[in-house]
PDB file of all heavy atoms in Angstrom:
ATOM      1  N   PRO A   1       0.819  -1.205  -0.033  1.00  0.00           N
ATOM      2  CA  PRO A   1      -0.006  -0.007  -0.024  1.00  0.00           C
ATOM      3  C   PRO A   1       0.856   1.242   0.022  1.00  0.00           C
ATOM      4  O   PRO A   1       2.001   1.257   0.510  1.00  0.00           O
ATOM      5  CB  PRO A   1      -0.796  -0.129   1.320  1.00  0.00           C
ATOM      6  CG  PRO A   1      -0.720  -1.556   1.683  1.00  0.00           C
ATOM      7  CD  PRO A   1       0.595  -2.031   1.190  1.00  0.00           C
ATOM      8  N   ASP A   2       0.342   2.307  -0.570  1.00  0.00           N
ATOM      9  CA  ASP A   2       1.070   3.577  -0.688  1.00  0.00           C
ATOM     10  C   ASP A   2       0.833   4.420   0.565  1.00  0.00           C
ATOM     11  O   ASP A   2      -0.312   4.798   0.870  1.00  0.00           O
ATOM     12  CB  ASP A   2       0.585   4.320  -1.914  1.00  0.00           C
ATOM     13  CG  ASP A   2       1.449   5.541  -2.246  1.00  0.00           C
ATOM     14  OD1 ASP A   2       2.268   5.932  -1.430  1.00  0.00           O
ATOM     15  OD2 ASP A   2       1.331   6.057  -3.367  1.00  0.00           O
ATOM     16  N   PRO A   3       1.863   4.727   1.343  1.00  0.00           N
ATOM     17  CA  PRO A   3       1.681   5.590   2.529  1.00  0.00           C
ATOM     18  C   PRO A   3       1.130   6.940   2.214  1.00  0.00           C
ATOM     19  O   PRO A   3       0.585   7.607   3.106  1.00  0.00           O
ATOM     20  CB  PRO A   3       3.103   5.690   3.124  1.00  0.00           C
ATOM     21  CG  PRO A   3       3.831   4.535   2.536  1.00  0.00           C
ATOM     22  CD  PRO A   3       3.271   4.295   1.176  1.00  0.00           C
ATOM     23  N   ALA A   4       1.218   7.366   0.935  1.00  0.00           N
ATOM     24  CA  ALA A   4       0.660   8.687   0.573  1.00  0.00           C
ATOM     25  C   ALA A   4      -0.859   8.613   0.243  1.00  0.00           C
ATOM     26  O   ALA A   4      -1.435   9.612  -0.080  1.00  0.00           O
ATOM     27  CB  ALA A   4       1.426   9.223  -0.629  1.00  0.00           C
ATOM     28  N   ASP A   5      -1.434   7.429   0.359  1.00  0.00           N
ATOM     29  CA  ASP A   5      -2.831   7.195   0.068  1.00  0.00           C
ATOM     30  C   ASP A   5      -3.638   7.120   1.366  1.00  0.00           C
ATOM     31  O   ASP A   5      -3.323   6.263   2.207  1.00  0.00           O
ATOM     32  CB  ASP A   5      -3.026   5.933  -0.760  1.00  0.00           C
ATOM     33  CG  ASP A   5      -4.447   5.668  -1.159  1.00  0.00           C
ATOM     34  OD1 ASP A   5      -5.343   6.490  -0.811  1.00  0.00           O
ATOM     35  OD2 ASP A   5      -4.684   4.604  -1.812  1.00  0.00           O
ATOM     36  N   ALA A   6      -4.632   7.995   1.548  1.00  0.00           N
ATOM     37  CA  ALA A   6      -5.411   7.967   2.797  1.00  0.00           C
ATOM     38  C   ALA A   6      -6.181   6.629   2.931  1.00  0.00           C
ATOM     39  O   ALA A   6      -6.579   6.288   4.033  1.00  0.00           O
ATOM     40  CB  ALA A   6      -6.394   9.132   2.807  1.00  0.00           C
ATOM     41  N   ALA A   7      -6.408   5.959   1.827  1.00  0.00           N
ATOM     42  CA  ALA A   7      -7.150   4.676   1.864  1.00  0.00           C
ATOM     43  C   ALA A   7      -6.198   3.491   1.942  1.00  0.00           C
ATOM     44  O   ALA A   7      -6.632   2.332   1.762  1.00  0.00           O
ATOM     45  CB  ALA A   7      -8.025   4.543   0.618  1.00  0.00           C
ATOM     46  N   ALA A   8      -4.922   3.688   2.238  1.00  0.00           N
ATOM     47  CA  ALA A   8      -3.984   2.575   2.275  1.00  0.00           C
ATOM     48  C   ALA A   8      -4.349   1.537   3.329  1.00  0.00           C
ATOM     49  O   ALA A   8      -4.090   0.358   3.137  1.00  0.00           O
ATOM     50  CB  ALA A   8      -2.562   3.122   2.513  1.00  0.00           C
ATOM     51  N   ALA A   9      -4.911   2.016   4.446  1.00  0.00           N
ATOM     52  CA  ALA A   9      -5.282   1.036   5.499  1.00  0.00           C
ATOM     53  C   ALA A   9      -6.342   0.078   4.973  1.00  0.00           C
ATOM     54  O   ALA A   9      -6.392  -1.093   5.370  1.00  0.00           O
ATOM     55  CB  ALA A   9      -5.770   1.775   6.742  1.00  0.00           C
ATOM     56  N   HIS A  10      -7.234   0.552   4.086  1.00  0.00           N
ATOM     57  CA  HIS A  10      -8.182  -0.360   3.510  1.00  0.00           C
ATOM     58  C   HIS A  10      -7.482  -1.347   2.589  1.00  0.00           C
ATOM     59  O   HIS A  10      -7.901  -2.492   2.468  1.00  0.00           O
ATOM     60  CB  HIS A  10      -9.268   0.375   2.700  1.00  0.00           C
ATOM     61  CG  HIS A  10     -10.172  -0.575   1.970  1.00  0.00           C
ATOM     62  ND1 HIS A  10     -10.194  -0.667   0.591  1.00  0.00           N
ATOM     63  CD2 HIS A  10     -11.052  -1.493   2.423  1.00  0.00           C
ATOM     64  CE1 HIS A  10     -11.022  -1.602   0.236  1.00  0.00           C
ATOM     65  NE2 HIS A  10     -11.574  -2.136   1.300  1.00  0.00           N
ATOM     66  N   GLU A  11      -6.440  -0.964   1.896  1.00  0.00           N
ATOM     67  CA  GLU A  11      -5.703  -1.864   1.026  1.00  0.00           C
ATOM     68  C   GLU A  11      -5.180  -2.991   1.858  1.00  0.00           C
ATOM     69  O   GLU A  11      -5.166  -4.171   1.421  1.00  0.00           O
ATOM     70  CB  GLU A  11      -4.562  -1.107   0.310  1.00  0.00           C
ATOM     71  CG  GLU A  11      -3.771  -1.963  -0.641  1.00  0.00           C
ATOM     72  CD  GLU A  11      -4.566  -2.398  -1.886  1.00  0.00           C
ATOM     73  OE1 GLU A  11      -5.507  -1.650  -2.254  1.00  0.00           O
ATOM     74  OE2 GLU A  11      -4.225  -3.430  -2.469  1.00  0.00           O
ATOM     75  N   VAL A  12      -4.686  -2.721   3.067  1.00  0.00           N
ATOM     76  CA  VAL A  12      -4.193  -3.739   3.941  1.00  0.00           C
ATOM     77  C   VAL A  12      -5.343  -4.727   4.296  1.00  0.00           C
ATOM     78  O   VAL A  12      -5.164  -5.938   4.229  1.00  0.00           O
ATOM     79  CB  VAL A  12      -3.625  -3.141   5.263  1.00  0.00           C
ATOM     80  CG1 VAL A  12      -3.293  -4.229   6.279  1.00  0.00           C
ATOM     81  CG2 VAL A  12      -2.386  -2.282   4.927  1.00  0.00           C
ATOM     82  N   ALA A  13      -6.519  -4.130   4.635  1.00  0.00           N
ATOM     83  CA  ALA A  13      -7.660  -5.008   5.002  1.00  0.00           C
ATOM     84  C   ALA A  13      -8.143  -5.816   3.823  1.00  0.00           C
ATOM     85  O   ALA A  13      -8.447  -7.011   3.958  1.00  0.00           O
ATOM     86  CB  ALA A  13      -8.783  -4.111   5.550  1.00  0.00           C
ATOM     87  N   TRP A  14      -8.259  -5.174   2.629  1.00  0.00           N
ATOM     88  CA  TRP A  14      -8.701  -5.861   1.443  1.00  0.00           C
ATOM     89  C   TRP A  14      -7.845  -7.050   1.085  1.00  0.00           C
ATOM     90  O   TRP A  14      -8.326  -8.172   0.881  1.00  0.00           O
ATOM     91  CB  TRP A  14      -8.790  -4.864   0.290  1.00  0.00           C
ATOM     92  CG  TRP A  14      -8.955  -5.421  -1.092  1.00  0.00           C
ATOM     93  CD1 TRP A  14      -7.935  -5.598  -2.004  1.00  0.00           C
ATOM     94  CD2 TRP A  14     -10.132  -5.894  -1.715  1.00  0.00           C
ATOM     95  NE1 TRP A  14      -8.432  -6.136  -3.155  1.00  0.00           N
ATOM     96  CE2 TRP A  14      -9.755  -6.340  -3.012  1.00  0.00           C
ATOM     97  CE3 TRP A  14     -11.441  -6.000  -1.317  1.00  0.00           C
ATOM     98  CZ2 TRP A  14     -10.698  -6.872  -3.875  1.00  0.00           C
ATOM     99  CZ3 TRP A  14     -12.375  -6.524  -2.200  1.00  0.00           C
ATOM    100  CH2 TRP A  14     -12.000  -6.952  -3.474  1.00  0.00           C
ATOM    101  N   ALA A  15      -6.550  -6.791   1.047  1.00  0.00           N
ATOM    102  CA  ALA A  15      -5.638  -7.886   0.712  1.00  0.00           C
ATOM    103  C   ALA A  15      -5.660  -8.988   1.725  1.00  0.00           C
ATOM    104  O   ALA A  15      -5.660 -10.206   1.389  1.00  0.00           O
ATOM    105  CB  ALA A  15      -4.203  -7.331   0.593  1.00  0.00           C
ATOM    106  N   GLY A  16      -5.763  -8.661   3.019  1.00  0.00           N
ATOM    107  CA  GLY A  16      -5.811  -9.668   4.042  1.00  0.00           C
ATOM    108  C   GLY A  16      -7.079 -10.507   3.971  1.00  0.00           C
ATOM    109  O   GLY A  16      -6.997 -11.739   4.113  1.00  0.00           O
ATOM    110  N   ASP A  17      -8.204  -9.901   3.766  1.00  0.00           N
ATOM    111  CA  ASP A  17      -9.470 -10.642   3.706  1.00  0.00           C
ATOM    112  C   ASP A  17      -9.473 -11.503   2.456  1.00  0.00           C
ATOM    113  O   ASP A  17     -10.033 -12.633   2.458  1.00  0.00           O
ATOM    114  CB  ASP A  17     -10.626  -9.663   3.677  1.00  0.00           C
ATOM    115  CG  ASP A  17     -10.877  -9.013   5.039  1.00  0.00           C
ATOM    116  OD1 ASP A  17     -10.235  -9.409   6.018  1.00  0.00           O
ATOM    117  OD2 ASP A  17     -11.669  -8.034   5.084  1.00  0.00           O
ATOM    118  N   LEU A  18      -8.893 -11.040   1.342  1.00  0.00           N
ATOM    119  CA  LEU A  18      -8.801 -11.834   0.135  1.00  0.00           C
ATOM    120  C   LEU A  18      -7.952 -13.050   0.347  1.00  0.00           C
ATOM    121  O   LEU A  18      -8.291 -14.173  -0.025  1.00  0.00           O
ATOM    122  CB  LEU A  18      -8.308 -11.012  -1.014  1.00  0.00           C
ATOM    123  CG  LEU A  18      -8.069 -11.765  -2.331  1.00  0.00           C
ATOM    124  CD1 LEU A  18      -9.322 -12.474  -2.806  1.00  0.00           C
ATOM    125  CD2 LEU A  18      -7.551 -10.799  -3.421  1.00  0.00           C
ATOM    126  N   MET A  19      -6.761 -12.851   0.988  1.00  0.00           N
ATOM    127  CA  MET A  19      -5.870 -14.010   1.235  1.00  0.00           C
ATOM    128  C   MET A  19      -6.538 -15.033   2.146  1.00  0.00           C
ATOM    129  O   MET A  19      -6.380 -16.247   1.951  1.00  0.00           O
ATOM    130  CB  MET A  19      -4.545 -13.541   1.815  1.00  0.00           C
ATOM    131  CG  MET A  19      -3.696 -12.728   0.862  1.00  0.00           C
ATOM    132  SD  MET A  19      -3.340 -13.564  -0.681  1.00  0.00           S
ATOM    133  CE  MET A  19      -4.027 -12.421  -1.851  1.00  0.00           C
ATOM    134  N   ARG A  20      -7.257 -14.541   3.124  1.00  0.00           N
ATOM    135  CA  ARG A  20      -7.957 -15.448   4.008  1.00  0.00           C
ATOM    136  C   ARG A  20      -9.010 -16.234   3.263  1.00  0.00           C
ATOM    137  O   ARG A  20      -9.266 -17.404   3.524  1.00  0.00           O
ATOM    138  CB  ARG A  20      -8.589 -14.649   5.169  1.00  0.00           C
ATOM    139  CG  ARG A  20      -9.017 -15.508   6.345  1.00  0.00           C
ATOM    140  CD  ARG A  20      -9.562 -14.661   7.492  1.00  0.00           C
ATOM    141  NE  ARG A  20     -10.832 -14.021   7.148  1.00  0.00           N
ATOM    142  CZ  ARG A  20     -10.991 -12.691   6.978  1.00  0.00           C
ATOM    143  NH1 ARG A  20      -9.918 -11.845   7.080  1.00  0.00           N
ATOM    144  NH2 ARG A  20     -12.157 -12.171   6.659  1.00  0.00           N
ATOM    145  N   GLY A  21      -9.671 -15.574   2.314  1.00  0.00           N
ATOM    146  CA  GLY A  21     -10.645 -16.302   1.460  1.00  0.00           C
ATOM    147  C   GLY A  21      -9.989 -17.351   0.626  1.00  0.00           C
ATOM    148  O   GLY A  21     -10.471 -18.472   0.483  1.00  0.00           O
ATOM    149  N   LEU A  22      -8.814 -17.033   0.066  1.00  0.00           N
ATOM    150  CA  LEU A  22      -8.108 -17.975  -0.781  1.00  0.00           C
ATOM    151  C   LEU A  22      -7.592 -19.174   0.075  1.00  0.00           C
ATOM    152  O   LEU A  22      -7.395 -20.264  -0.441  1.00  0.00           O
ATOM    153  CB  LEU A  22      -6.884 -17.270  -1.432  1.00  0.00           C
ATOM    154  CG  LEU A  22      -7.274 -16.231  -2.537  1.00  0.00           C
ATOM    155  CD1 LEU A  22      -6.093 -15.353  -2.818  1.00  0.00           C
ATOM    156  CD2 LEU A  22      -7.745 -16.937  -3.791  1.00  0.00           C
ATOM    157  N   ALA A  23      -7.416 -18.918   1.392  1.00  0.00           N
ATOM    158  CA  ALA A  23      -6.961 -20.000   2.264  1.00  0.00           C
ATOM    159  C   ALA A  23      -8.163 -20.713   2.915  1.00  0.00           C
ATOM    160  O   ALA A  23      -7.993 -21.372   3.945  1.00  0.00           O
ATOM    161  CB  ALA A  23      -6.084 -19.372   3.368  1.00  0.00           C
ATOM    162  N   ASP A  24      -9.306 -20.638   2.294  1.00  0.00           N
ATOM    163  CA  ASP A  24     -10.534 -21.325   2.783  1.00  0.00           C
ATOM    164  C   ASP A  24     -10.895 -20.862   4.166  1.00  0.00           C
ATOM    165  O   ASP A  24     -11.398 -21.648   5.006  1.00  0.00           O
ATOM    166  CB  ASP A  24     -10.319 -22.841   2.792  1.00  0.00           C
ATOM    167  CG  ASP A  24      -9.941 -23.389   1.406  1.00  0.00           C
ATOM    168  OD1 ASP A  24     -10.462 -22.874   0.416  1.00  0.00           O
ATOM    169  OD2 ASP A  24      -9.132 -24.335   1.344  1.00  0.00           O
ATOM    170  N   GLY A  25     -10.648 -19.565   4.477  1.00  0.00           N
ATOM    171  CA  GLY A  25     -10.997 -19.018   5.790  1.00  0.00           C
ATOM    172  C   GLY A  25      -9.954 -19.237   6.833  1.00  0.00           C
ATOM    173  O   GLY A  25     -10.118 -18.830   7.985  1.00  0.00           O
ATOM    174  N   ARG A  26      -8.858 -19.853   6.482  1.00  0.00           N
ATOM    175  CA  ARG A  26      -7.751 -20.124   7.436  1.00  0.00           C
ATOM    176  C   ARG A  26      -6.668 -19.040   7.301  1.00  0.00           C
ATOM    177  O   ARG A  26      -6.692 -18.225   6.397  1.00  0.00           O
ATOM    178  CB  ARG A  26      -7.109 -21.520   7.120  1.00  0.00           C
ATOM    179  CG  ARG A  26      -8.161 -22.655   7.196  1.00  0.00           C
ATOM    180  CD  ARG A  26      -8.536 -22.904   8.634  1.00  0.00           C
ATOM    181  NE  ARG A  26      -7.441 -23.492   9.378  1.00  0.00           N
ATOM    182  CZ  ARG A  26      -7.326 -23.482  10.720  1.00  0.00           C
ATOM    183  NH1 ARG A  26      -8.247 -22.862  11.418  1.00  0.00           N
ATOM    184  NH2 ARG A  26      -6.290 -24.032  11.284  1.00  0.00           N
ATOM    185  N   PRO A  27      -5.719 -19.052   8.248  1.00  0.00           N
ATOM    186  CA  PRO A  27      -4.653 -18.036   8.177  1.00  0.00           C
ATOM    187  C   PRO A  27      -3.732 -18.165   6.954  1.00  0.00           C
ATOM    188  O   PRO A  27      -3.726 -19.204   6.273  1.00  0.00           O
ATOM    189  CB  PRO A  27      -3.852 -18.268   9.474  1.00  0.00           C
ATOM    190  CG  PRO A  27      -4.863 -18.956  10.406  1.00  0.00           C
ATOM    191  CD  PRO A  27      -5.704 -19.826   9.513  1.00  0.00           C
ATOM    192  N   TRP A  28      -2.945 -17.165   6.725  1.00  0.00           N
ATOM    193  CA  TRP A  28      -2.055 -17.067   5.595  1.00  0.00           C
ATOM    194  C   TRP A  28      -0.799 -16.355   6.062  1.00  0.00           C
ATOM    195  O   TRP A  28      -0.624 -16.027   7.230  1.00  0.00           O
ATOM    196  CB  TRP A  28      -2.760 -16.250   4.475  1.00  0.00           C
ATOM    197  CG  TRP A  28      -3.289 -14.940   4.951  1.00  0.00           C
ATOM    198  CD1 TRP A  28      -4.428 -14.721   5.606  1.00  0.00           C
ATOM    199  CD2 TRP A  28      -2.652 -13.655   4.777  1.00  0.00           C
ATOM    200  NE1 TRP A  28      -4.589 -13.384   5.915  1.00  0.00           N
ATOM    201  CE2 TRP A  28      -3.498 -12.690   5.389  1.00  0.00           C
ATOM    202  CE3 TRP A  28      -1.486 -13.215   4.164  1.00  0.00           C
ATOM    203  CZ2 TRP A  28      -3.201 -11.344   5.440  1.00  0.00           C
ATOM    204  CZ3 TRP A  28      -1.171 -11.871   4.204  1.00  0.00           C
ATOM    205  CH2 TRP A  28      -2.027 -10.968   4.834  1.00  0.00           C
ATOM    206  N   ILE A  29       0.140 -16.103   5.099  1.00  0.00           N
ATOM    207  CA  ILE A  29       1.400 -15.427   5.461  1.00  0.00           C
ATOM    208  C   ILE A  29       1.609 -14.246   4.516  1.00  0.00           C
ATOM    209  O   ILE A  29       1.439 -14.371   3.311  1.00  0.00           O
ATOM    210  CB  ILE A  29       2.579 -16.401   5.386  1.00  0.00           C
ATOM    211  CG1 ILE A  29       2.594 -17.381   6.556  1.00  0.00           C
ATOM    212  CG2 ILE A  29       3.894 -15.639   5.297  1.00  0.00           C
ATOM    213  CD1 ILE A  29       3.734 -18.375   6.564  1.00  0.00           C
ATOM    214  N   LEU A  30       1.997 -13.113   5.113  1.00  0.00           N
ATOM    215  CA  LEU A  30       2.404 -11.959   4.282  1.00  0.00           C
ATOM    216  C   LEU A  30       3.863 -12.249   3.926  1.00  0.00           C
ATOM    217  O   LEU A  30       4.736 -12.271   4.775  1.00  0.00           O
ATOM    218  CB  LEU A  30       2.315 -10.678   5.033  1.00  0.00           C
ATOM    219  CG  LEU A  30       2.785  -9.435   4.264  1.00  0.00           C
ATOM    220  CD1 LEU A  30       1.862  -9.132   3.125  1.00  0.00           C
ATOM    221  CD2 LEU A  30       2.917  -8.231   5.212  1.00  0.00           C
ATOM    222  N   MET A  31       4.124 -12.478   2.639  1.00  0.00           N
ATOM    223  CA  MET A  31       5.497 -12.787   2.195  1.00  0.00           C
ATOM    224  C   MET A  31       6.326 -11.546   1.935  1.00  0.00           C
ATOM    225  O   MET A  31       7.532 -11.583   2.159  1.00  0.00           O
ATOM    226  CB  MET A  31       5.400 -13.651   0.908  1.00  0.00           C
ATOM    227  CG  MET A  31       6.748 -14.314   0.511  1.00  0.00           C
ATOM    228  SD  MET A  31       7.352 -15.446   1.745  1.00  0.00           S
ATOM    229  CE  MET A  31       6.224 -16.806   1.520  1.00  0.00           C
ATOM    230  N   GLU A  32       5.677 -10.462   1.545  1.00  0.00           N
ATOM    231  CA  GLU A  32       6.446  -9.259   1.257  1.00  0.00           C
ATOM    232  C   GLU A  32       5.618  -8.017   1.636  1.00  0.00           C
ATOM    233  O   GLU A  32       4.438  -7.918   1.297  1.00  0.00           O
ATOM    234  CB  GLU A  32       6.866  -9.103  -0.217  1.00  0.00           C
ATOM    235  CG  GLU A  32       7.898 -10.111  -0.710  1.00  0.00           C
ATOM    236  CD  GLU A  32       8.294  -9.784  -2.144  1.00  0.00           C
ATOM    237  OE1 GLU A  32       8.068  -8.641  -2.608  1.00  0.00           O
ATOM    238  OE2 GLU A  32       8.803 -10.724  -2.816  1.00  0.00           O
ATOM    239  N   GLN A  33       6.281  -7.061   2.309  1.00  0.00           N
ATOM    240  CA  GLN A  33       5.833  -5.726   2.422  1.00  0.00           C
ATOM    241  C   GLN A  33       7.108  -4.837   2.544  1.00  0.00           C
ATOM    242  O   GLN A  33       8.191  -5.401   2.743  1.00  0.00           O
ATOM    243  CB  GLN A  33       4.875  -5.483   3.600  1.00  0.00           C
ATOM    244  CG  GLN A  33       5.587  -5.580   4.970  1.00  0.00           C
ATOM    245  CD  GLN A  33       4.696  -5.106   6.116  1.00  0.00           C
ATOM    246  OE1 GLN A  33       3.748  -4.385   5.920  1.00  0.00           O
ATOM    247  NE2 GLN A  33       5.056  -5.492   7.317  1.00  0.00           N
ATOM    248  N   ALA A  34       6.983  -3.548   2.429  1.00  0.00           N
ATOM    249  CA  ALA A  34       8.130  -2.695   2.480  1.00  0.00           C
ATOM    250  C   ALA A  34       8.286  -2.170   3.953  1.00  0.00           C
ATOM    251  O   ALA A  34       7.308  -1.664   4.511  1.00  0.00           O
ATOM    252  CB  ALA A  34       8.000  -1.519   1.551  1.00  0.00           C
ATOM    253  N   PRO A  35       9.490  -2.232   4.505  1.00  0.00           N
ATOM    254  CA  PRO A  35       9.671  -1.610   5.834  1.00  0.00           C
ATOM    255  C   PRO A  35       9.527  -0.065   5.771  1.00  0.00           C
ATOM    256  O   PRO A  35       9.139   0.559   6.742  1.00  0.00           O
ATOM    257  CB  PRO A  35      11.105  -1.985   6.211  1.00  0.00           C
ATOM    258  CG  PRO A  35      11.402  -3.172   5.361  1.00  0.00           C
ATOM    259  CD  PRO A  35      10.673  -2.992   4.073  1.00  0.00           C
ATOM    260  N   GLY A  36       9.819   0.492   4.615  1.00  0.00           N
ATOM    261  CA  GLY A  36       9.691   1.911   4.416  1.00  0.00           C
ATOM    262  C   GLY A  36       9.125   2.252   3.027  1.00  0.00           C
ATOM    263  O   GLY A  36       7.981   1.867   2.757  1.00  0.00           O
TER     264      GLY A  36
END
């Protein structure tokens, strides 16, 4: 997500809920994000 985007927190939620759906409702792993 772009820190310059006010909706970036939703991008975090959207991606997480999608991955959980792909995992049949089970947990998943974030493989990459940027520290900065």
